[in-house]
Amino acid sequence: MTEKTQQFASDNYSGICPEALETLLQANHHHELAYGEDRWTAKVCDRLRELFEIDCDVFFVFNGTAANSLSLASLCQSYHSIICHEMAHVETDECGAPEFFSNGSKILVSSGNNGKLTPESIERLVQKRSDVHYPKPKAISLTQSTEVGTVYSREELLDIRNMADKYSLKLHMDGARFTNALVHLKVKPKEISWQCGIDILCLGGTKNGLAVGEAILIFNKAMAEDFEYRCKQAGQLASKMRFLSAPWLGLMENDVWLKNARNANDRARDLARQLQEIPQVSVMFPVEANAVFVEMPQPVIKALHDRGWRFYTFIGEGGVRLMCSWDTRLETVNAFISDLKDVL
């Protein structure tokens, strides 16, 4: 097995980008106030408000599971339910954390093409039952980009918001790869967040060049009441908060966050384009962000693993997920394709 310097298993494999690392080091030069009272955290919060063009409340937590779970818990009581796609991260990969932090709110799942919810699928779940014996639908959780690498358009989001308004539902967005969607759609951050009626956005940083940490943007400020207490109780209030927040400044200045996401998306398109030229493999979903899903024969998967390539195969027999990162190089894409052709 040959050790690879870059992999396609996850965008969590990548390191911290230089700009984020530089601001992290700058934040280490002097003593600062603790628990988010420092100047770095204040500056980053203001910068996020500028970028999203709205006066929102901003909170920083250690990871996406905490961001999603605490956000959904703030929208729901224990007798409520949360509607999401059956492949959503909050359903499949968070170990019941949304239910735990909401004291038992039930997750209701729906199918949908290309990993997306539709207004119709949401309405079917809402109308399924309305008696007191069934958990009352209260929130919708959308993943942007989706778990299969597709992107909700602005029009799709507005249609879902209209359906949410019809039934008085709140909208949460799991934006672990929000920036990849932003780059794909070529829009401003506000255009696919609060202007589409998103109440809370969990903005991903880890997958776009940070070492650790996600930002929670609460656009409906009434929903932010006591949210800091949720963070504290859940062990998500960093005492040296500047080390969570300061790297965001390096990411946001000079549009580094967009540059990082653009590289990941571009390498995914490069990878998909070359894969589509190989008859023995087939691309499973539209490639709109930084993920490529393909089907390939099991012996080929094993042979690639034997050559040191790491990637996930959690989507069924022969299904492979290939993730590109902010720092994925074209040479890495070409090397993978070369090995794939060789084992074929």
Protein backbone atom coordinates (compact mmCIF):
# COMPACT_ATOMS: atom_id res chain seq x y z
CA MET A 1 0.00 0.00 0.00
CA THR A 2 1.32 3.42 -0.97
CA GLU A 3 0.71 6.20 1.55
CA LYS A 4 -1.16 9.12 -0.07
CA THR A 5 -0.63 12.73 0.99
CA GLN A 6 -4.21 13.62 0.00
CA GLN A 7 -7.36 11.54 0.12
CA PHE A 8 -10.99 11.60 -1.04
CA ALA A 9 -12.64 10.02 2.00
CA SER A 10 -13.69 13.29 3.65
CA ASP A 11 -13.13 17.01 3.53
CA ASN A 12 -12.41 16.62 7.25
CA TYR A 13 -9.08 15.04 6.25
CA SER A 14 -7.69 18.40 5.11
CA GLY A 15 -5.65 20.68 7.34
CA ILE A 16 -6.13 24.30 8.35
CA CYS A 17 -5.70 26.85 5.56
CA PRO A 18 -2.77 29.30 5.91
CA GLU A 19 -4.93 32.40 6.36
CA ALA A 20 -6.92 30.82 9.21
CA LEU A 21 -3.73 29.57 10.84
CA GLU A 22 -2.20 33.06 10.67
CA THR A 23 -5.09 34.68 12.52
CA LEU A 24 -5.05 31.85 15.06
CA LEU A 25 -1.40 32.62 15.77
CA GLN A 26 -2.13 36.35 15.97
CA ALA A 27 -4.80 35.67 18.59
CA ASN A 28 -2.17 33.94 20.71
CA HIS A 29 0.06 37.02 21.18
CA HIS A 30 -1.66 38.62 24.18
CA HIS A 31 -4.02 37.89 27.02
CA GLU A 32 -7.69 38.31 26.10
CA LEU A 33 -11.02 38.21 27.90
CA ALA A 34 -12.54 34.73 28.18
CA TYR A 35 -15.83 33.07 27.22
CA GLY A 36 -16.40 35.07 24.05
CA GLU A 37 -15.91 38.54 25.53
CA ASP A 38 -12.66 39.02 23.57
CA ARG A 39 -12.11 41.46 20.70
CA TRP A 40 -11.47 38.67 18.17
CA THR A 41 -14.89 37.11 18.69
CA ALA A 42 -16.59 40.51 18.48
CA LYS A 43 -14.76 41.31 15.25
CA VAL A 44 -15.68 38.00 13.62
CA CYS A 45 -19.34 38.35 14.61
CA ASP A 46 -19.44 41.79 13.05
CA ARG A 47 -17.75 40.48 9.91
CA LEU A 48 -20.32 37.71 9.55
CA ARG A 49 -23.11 40.25 9.93
CA GLU A 50 -21.52 42.34 7.19
CA LEU A 51 -21.21 39.35 4.85
CA PHE A 52 -24.79 38.21 5.42
CA GLU A 53 -26.06 41.81 5.46
CA ILE A 54 -28.19 41.38 8.54
CA ASP A 55 -28.00 41.99 12.28
CA CYS A 56 -28.04 38.37 13.43
CA ASP A 57 -26.89 36.68 16.64
CA VAL A 58 -23.74 34.57 16.25
CA PHE A 59 -22.52 31.68 18.38
CA PHE A 60 -19.46 29.46 18.01
CA VAL A 61 -19.40 25.76 18.89
CA PHE A 62 -16.86 23.01 18.49
CA ASN A 63 -18.55 20.89 15.83
CA GLY A 64 -21.49 20.44 13.48
CA THR A 65 -23.34 17.95 15.64
CA ALA A 66 -23.53 20.49 18.45
CA ALA A 67 -24.48 23.28 16.06
CA ASN A 68 -27.34 21.35 14.49
CA SER A 69 -28.59 19.75 17.69
CA LEU A 70 -28.62 22.89 19.82
CA SER A 71 -30.23 24.86 16.99
CA LEU A 72 -33.02 22.35 16.49
CA ALA A 73 -33.54 22.07 20.24
CA SER A 74 -34.09 25.82 20.38
CA LEU A 75 -36.89 25.48 17.81
CA CYS A 76 -38.72 22.53 19.35
CA GLN A 77 -40.28 21.26 22.53
CA SER A 78 -40.05 17.59 23.46
CA TYR A 79 -43.48 16.85 21.94
CA HIS A 80 -42.55 18.35 18.57
CA SER A 81 -41.07 16.75 15.46
CA ILE A 82 -38.42 17.79 12.93
CA ILE A 83 -38.84 17.06 9.22
CA CYS A 84 -35.73 16.22 7.21
CA HIS A 85 -34.56 14.11 4.28
CA GLU A 86 -33.91 10.46 5.04
CA MET A 87 -30.22 10.94 4.17
CA ALA A 88 -29.78 14.09 6.27
CA HIS A 89 -26.84 14.17 8.66
CA VAL A 90 -29.13 14.96 11.61
CA GLU A 91 -30.92 11.66 10.93
CA THR A 92 -28.09 9.32 9.99
CA ASP A 93 -24.85 10.57 11.55
CA GLU A 94 -25.40 12.41 14.81
CA CYS A 95 -26.05 9.54 17.21
CA GLY A 96 -29.47 10.86 18.26
CA ALA A 97 -28.01 14.20 19.41
CA PRO A 98 -30.90 16.33 18.04
CA GLU A 99 -33.37 14.17 19.97
CA PHE A 100 -31.16 14.20 23.06
CA PHE A 101 -30.70 17.97 23.26
CA SER A 102 -34.38 18.64 22.51
CA ASN A 103 -35.43 16.21 25.25
CA GLY A 104 -37.05 13.87 22.77
CA SER A 105 -38.28 15.76 19.70
CA LYS A 106 -38.88 13.14 17.03
CA ILE A 107 -37.26 13.26 13.60
CA LEU A 108 -39.62 12.54 10.69
CA VAL A 109 -37.92 11.59 7.44
CA SER A 110 -38.97 11.80 3.82
CA SER A 111 -37.44 10.53 0.62
CA GLY A 112 -36.67 12.83 -2.28
CA ASN A 113 -34.64 12.81 -5.47
CA ASN A 114 -31.00 13.93 -5.26
CA GLY A 115 -31.07 14.19 -1.49
CA LYS A 116 -33.62 17.02 -1.41
CA LEU A 117 -36.86 17.66 0.39
CA THR A 118 -39.72 19.11 -1.64
CA PRO A 119 -42.75 21.12 -0.50
CA GLU A 120 -44.93 18.13 -1.38
CA SER A 121 -42.88 15.70 0.70
CA ILE A 122 -43.03 18.09 3.64
CA GLU A 123 -46.79 18.50 3.34
CA ARG A 124 -47.32 14.73 3.25
CA LEU A 125 -45.57 14.37 6.59
CA VAL A 126 -47.41 17.30 8.14
CA GLN A 127 -50.77 15.98 7.02
CA LYS A 128 -50.07 12.37 7.93
CA ARG A 129 -51.66 12.84 11.34
CA SER A 130 -52.87 15.77 13.40
CA ASP A 131 -54.06 14.08 16.59
CA VAL A 132 -52.52 14.60 20.01
CA HIS A 133 -50.96 11.13 19.96
CA TYR A 134 -48.53 12.12 17.19
CA PRO A 135 -45.53 14.47 17.61
CA LYS A 136 -46.50 17.84 16.21
CA PRO A 137 -44.31 19.01 13.27
CA LYS A 138 -42.50 22.18 14.27
CA ALA A 139 -39.31 22.52 12.21
CA ILE A 140 -37.77 21.62 8.87
CA SER A 141 -34.07 20.85 8.60
CA LEU A 142 -32.43 21.34 5.20
CA THR A 143 -28.88 20.32 4.28
CA GLN A 144 -27.01 22.72 1.97
CA SER A 145 -25.26 21.28 0.06
CA THR A 146 -27.05 17.95 0.47
CA GLU A 147 -25.56 14.68 1.64
CA VAL A 148 -25.24 13.59 -2.01
CA GLY A 149 -23.54 16.78 -3.15
CA THR A 150 -26.50 18.53 -4.76
CA VAL A 151 -27.56 22.11 -4.07
CA TYR A 152 -30.94 23.66 -3.27
CA SER A 153 -31.59 26.56 -5.62
CA ARG A 154 -32.98 29.85 -4.33
CA GLU A 155 -36.31 29.00 -5.96
CA GLU A 156 -36.46 25.61 -4.24
CA LEU A 157 -35.73 27.22 -0.88
CA LEU A 158 -38.44 29.84 -1.38
CA ASP A 159 -40.96 27.13 -2.28
CA ILE A 160 -40.09 25.26 0.92
CA ARG A 161 -40.39 28.49 2.93
CA ASN A 162 -43.89 29.01 1.53
CA MET A 163 -44.86 25.51 2.62
CA ALA A 164 -43.31 26.13 6.03
CA ASP A 165 -45.37 29.29 6.42
CA LYS A 166 -48.52 27.39 5.51
CA TYR A 167 -48.03 25.14 8.53
CA SER A 168 -46.15 27.56 10.84
CA LEU A 169 -42.90 25.61 10.68
CA LYS A 170 -39.44 26.96 11.44
CA LEU A 171 -36.52 26.48 9.03
CA HIS A 172 -33.09 25.24 10.07
CA MET A 173 -30.23 24.85 7.62
CA ASP A 174 -27.35 22.45 8.15
CA GLY A 175 -24.75 24.46 6.24
CA ALA A 176 -21.69 22.30 6.83
CA ARG A 177 -20.95 22.92 3.13
CA PHE A 178 -22.97 26.11 2.72
CA THR A 179 -20.03 27.91 1.10
CA ASN A 180 -19.73 25.21 -1.57
CA ALA A 181 -23.40 25.81 -2.41
CA LEU A 182 -22.83 29.57 -2.39
CA VAL A 183 -20.00 29.27 -4.92
CA HIS A 184 -22.02 26.93 -7.13
CA LEU A 185 -25.04 29.24 -7.25
CA LYS A 186 -22.97 32.43 -7.60
CA VAL A 187 -25.20 34.35 -5.20
CA LYS A 188 -24.73 36.46 -2.08
CA PRO A 189 -24.95 34.71 1.31
CA LYS A 190 -28.22 36.44 2.18
CA GLU A 191 -29.90 35.18 -0.99
CA ILE A 192 -29.92 31.53 0.12
CA SER A 193 -30.23 32.09 3.86
CA TRP A 194 -32.42 34.63 5.63
CA GLN A 195 -33.93 36.05 2.43
CA CYS A 196 -35.28 32.55 1.79
CA GLY A 197 -36.72 32.41 5.28
CA ILE A 198 -34.02 30.39 6.98
CA ASP A 199 -34.36 31.05 10.72
CA ILE A 200 -31.10 29.44 11.84
CA LEU A 201 -28.03 28.62 9.75
CA CYS A 202 -25.26 26.35 11.01
CA LEU A 203 -22.37 27.65 8.95
CA GLY A 204 -19.58 25.15 8.41
CA GLY A 205 -15.97 26.14 8.88
CA THR A 206 -14.20 22.85 9.52
CA LYS A 207 -14.83 21.52 6.01
CA ASN A 208 -13.70 24.76 4.41
CA GLY A 209 -10.29 25.39 5.92
CA LEU A 210 -10.67 25.70 9.69
CA ALA A 211 -9.12 23.32 12.19
CA VAL A 212 -12.21 23.20 14.40
CA GLY A 213 -15.43 25.08 14.98
CA GLU A 214 -18.77 25.98 13.40
CA ALA A 215 -20.76 29.22 13.55
CA ILE A 216 -24.46 29.38 14.34
CA LEU A 217 -26.22 32.37 12.78
CA ILE A 218 -29.66 33.04 14.24
CA PHE A 219 -31.45 35.41 11.89
CA ASN A 220 -34.68 35.51 13.85
CA LYS A 221 -33.26 37.14 16.96
CA ALA A 222 -36.23 36.17 19.12
CA MET A 223 -35.10 32.57 18.73
CA ALA A 224 -31.71 33.41 20.21
CA GLU A 225 -33.16 33.99 23.67
CA ASP A 226 -31.15 31.98 26.22
CA PHE A 227 -29.19 30.26 23.44
CA GLU A 228 -25.92 30.99 25.25
CA TYR A 229 -27.25 28.91 28.14
CA ARG A 230 -27.83 25.97 25.80
CA CYS A 231 -24.24 26.25 24.60
CA LYS A 232 -22.89 26.37 28.15
CA GLN A 233 -24.97 23.45 29.38
CA ALA A 234 -23.91 21.34 26.39
CA GLY A 235 -20.22 21.96 27.03
CA GLN A 236 -19.91 24.13 23.93
CA LEU A 237 -18.91 27.43 25.53
CA ALA A 238 -15.17 27.67 24.91
CA SER A 239 -13.29 29.41 27.72
CA LYS A 240 -10.62 30.62 25.29
CA MET A 241 -13.21 31.44 22.66
CA ARG A 242 -10.81 33.47 20.54
CA PHE A 243 -9.16 30.27 19.35
CA LEU A 244 -12.50 29.15 17.90
CA SER A 245 -13.47 32.52 16.47
CA ALA A 246 -10.24 34.17 15.29
CA PRO A 247 -9.51 31.69 12.46
CA TRP A 248 -12.86 32.68 10.93
CA LEU A 249 -11.43 36.13 10.34
CA GLY A 250 -8.66 34.69 8.18
CA LEU A 251 -11.28 32.69 6.33
CA MET A 252 -13.58 35.65 5.70
CA GLU A 253 -11.06 38.34 4.77
CA ASN A 254 -10.27 38.67 1.06
CA ASP A 255 -12.96 36.05 0.31
CA VAL A 256 -10.71 33.15 1.30
CA TRP A 257 -13.79 31.11 2.26
CA LEU A 258 -15.10 31.45 -1.31
CA LYS A 259 -11.70 30.65 -2.82
CA ASN A 260 -11.42 27.51 -0.69
CA ALA A 261 -14.89 26.30 -1.62
CA ARG A 262 -14.31 27.11 -5.28
CA ASN A 263 -11.19 24.94 -5.35
CA ALA A 264 -13.05 22.03 -3.76
CA ASN A 265 -15.92 22.37 -6.24
CA ASP A 266 -13.58 22.71 -9.22
CA ARG A 267 -11.62 19.59 -8.29
CA ALA A 268 -14.88 17.67 -7.88
CA ARG A 269 -15.89 18.68 -11.41
CA ASP A 270 -12.45 17.69 -12.71
CA LEU A 271 -12.84 14.32 -11.03
CA ALA A 272 -16.38 13.78 -12.32
CA ARG A 273 -15.44 14.75 -15.85
CA GLN A 274 -12.68 12.17 -15.99
CA LEU A 275 -14.79 9.49 -14.30
CA GLN A 276 -17.56 9.98 -16.86
CA GLU A 277 -15.10 8.96 -19.57
CA ILE A 278 -14.61 5.53 -17.98
CA PRO A 279 -17.28 3.02 -19.11
CA GLN A 280 -16.99 0.79 -16.02
CA VAL A 281 -18.03 3.54 -13.58
CA SER A 282 -21.08 5.79 -13.49
CA VAL A 283 -21.74 9.07 -11.69
CA MET A 284 -24.80 8.70 -9.47
CA PHE A 285 -25.86 12.30 -8.76
CA PRO A 286 -25.35 15.73 -10.30
CA VAL A 287 -21.99 17.15 -9.19
CA GLU A 288 -22.84 20.61 -7.86
CA ALA A 289 -20.58 21.03 -4.83
CA ASN A 290 -17.48 19.16 -3.69
CA ALA A 291 -18.78 15.57 -3.66
CA VAL A 292 -18.74 12.96 -6.40
CA PHE A 293 -20.75 9.76 -6.00
CA VAL A 294 -20.00 6.91 -8.39
CA GLU A 295 -20.77 3.25 -8.83
CA MET A 296 -17.88 0.92 -9.58
CA PRO A 297 -17.27 -2.84 -9.35
CA GLN A 298 -16.40 -4.24 -5.91
CA PRO A 299 -13.05 -5.71 -7.06
CA VAL A 300 -12.08 -2.25 -8.31
CA ILE A 301 -12.97 -0.68 -4.96
CA LYS A 302 -10.81 -3.24 -3.15
CA ALA A 303 -7.92 -2.72 -5.56
CA LEU A 304 -8.01 1.05 -5.01
CA HIS A 305 -8.08 0.53 -1.25
CA ASP A 306 -5.10 -1.79 -1.58
CA ARG A 307 -3.24 1.00 -3.38
CA GLY A 308 -3.76 3.30 -0.42
CA TRP A 309 -6.80 5.30 -1.51
CA ARG A 310 -9.34 6.03 1.21
CA PHE A 311 -13.00 6.73 0.46
CA TYR A 312 -16.37 5.77 1.89
CA THR A 313 -18.75 3.16 0.50
CA PHE A 314 -21.78 3.75 2.74
CA ILE A 315 -24.41 4.25 0.04
CA GLY A 316 -24.96 0.66 -1.01
CA GLU A 317 -23.28 -2.06 -3.02
CA GLY A 318 -20.76 -0.50 -5.38
CA GLY A 319 -21.50 3.08 -4.32
CA VAL A 320 -18.47 5.28 -3.61
CA ARG A 321 -18.28 8.81 -2.20
CA LEU A 322 -15.33 10.93 -3.25
CA MET A 323 -14.94 14.24 -1.40
CA CYS A 324 -12.72 17.09 -2.55
CA SER A 325 -11.29 19.63 -0.11
CA TRP A 326 -10.19 23.25 -0.07
CA ASP A 327 -6.64 22.10 -0.80
CA THR A 328 -7.25 19.16 -3.14
CA ARG A 329 -4.78 19.37 -6.00
CA LEU A 330 -5.40 18.49 -9.64
CA GLU A 331 -2.41 16.14 -9.41
CA THR A 332 -4.27 14.16 -6.74
CA VAL A 333 -7.30 13.86 -9.02
CA ASN A 334 -5.11 12.72 -11.90
CA ALA A 335 -3.27 10.20 -9.73
CA PHE A 336 -6.56 8.65 -8.58
CA ILE A 337 -7.84 8.41 -12.15
CA SER A 338 -4.55 6.87 -13.26
CA ASP A 339 -4.74 4.19 -10.56
CA LEU A 340 -8.41 3.56 -11.36
CA LYS A 341 -7.67 3.02 -15.04
CA ASP A 342 -4.74 0.81 -14.12
CA VAL A 343 -6.75 -1.53 -11.89
CA LEU A 344 -9.51 -1.69 -14.51
